[in-house]
Each structure stands twice: as C-alpha cells, then as structure tokens.
Amino acid sequence: MTMHLQLRSRVKGQLSSTVLKTSRGGNKPAEFNPKAHAPKAKFYMGFTTGDMVKADIPSGKYAGKYTGRIAIRFRPSFTLLQKDKRFDVHPKYLTTIHQADGYEYSIPK
C-alpha cells in the first residue's frame, strides 16, 4: 500500500514523498526443507536487507556515488537496488543512511 505523505526523515530533515509498507519476515511457519532453509541471522556485517545506504565506489564498472536499498547475502557482496538498476557492491563502500524499519522511503532529489 502506497501512502502519499510528507514525512520528516530521521536522517537530515529531508522530506520524504512516498512511504511504502514492506515485509519484515513472516509469522507463518513455512514448509521445512533442511537443504534450503533461511539462515538464523537477520543481519550481516552490520547491515540488514532493506537498509537505505549510500555507496561511494571509487573504481570499476560502477564507479560513482549511489543511494538505494540493499539486499544482503551472507558473504561480502550485497545487491544495491535502485529504481533503474541493480548491481553488487562490497560493504566496505557502503554507509547506512536509514536502517530498515518495515517501510520503504523515497528521498527526493
């Protein structure tokens, strides 16, 4: 459900134009598959799936500054998600802007 609200961000007082409710893990038990079950940890290297981050990548194909959400993996290569692209980034280039709280915020440019 998308709500069009004007909210003050906890980060730097910027206005956020869109708030979208996201899932934070289900409460229904899933069918157990011992070879492909979800890991017990919910975070890795200080990051959680859904965190808004700033990436400052110094060199390579995707060199530049990016802002977006991340999807973590349990290895040091996370997926940075933006509206138009998605690519892998090492966590050493990431800085947390906003931790995942069950909502997705958009930051106006």
Foldseek 3Di string as FASTA:
>chain_A
DKDQDFDQDPFPRATWGIKAFADDDDPDDDDDDPVDDDDPDQDEPPAGFFFWKWFQACDDPPHDIDIATWHDDNDQWIWGDDPPDIDIDGCVRIDTRGHDDRMHTDGDD
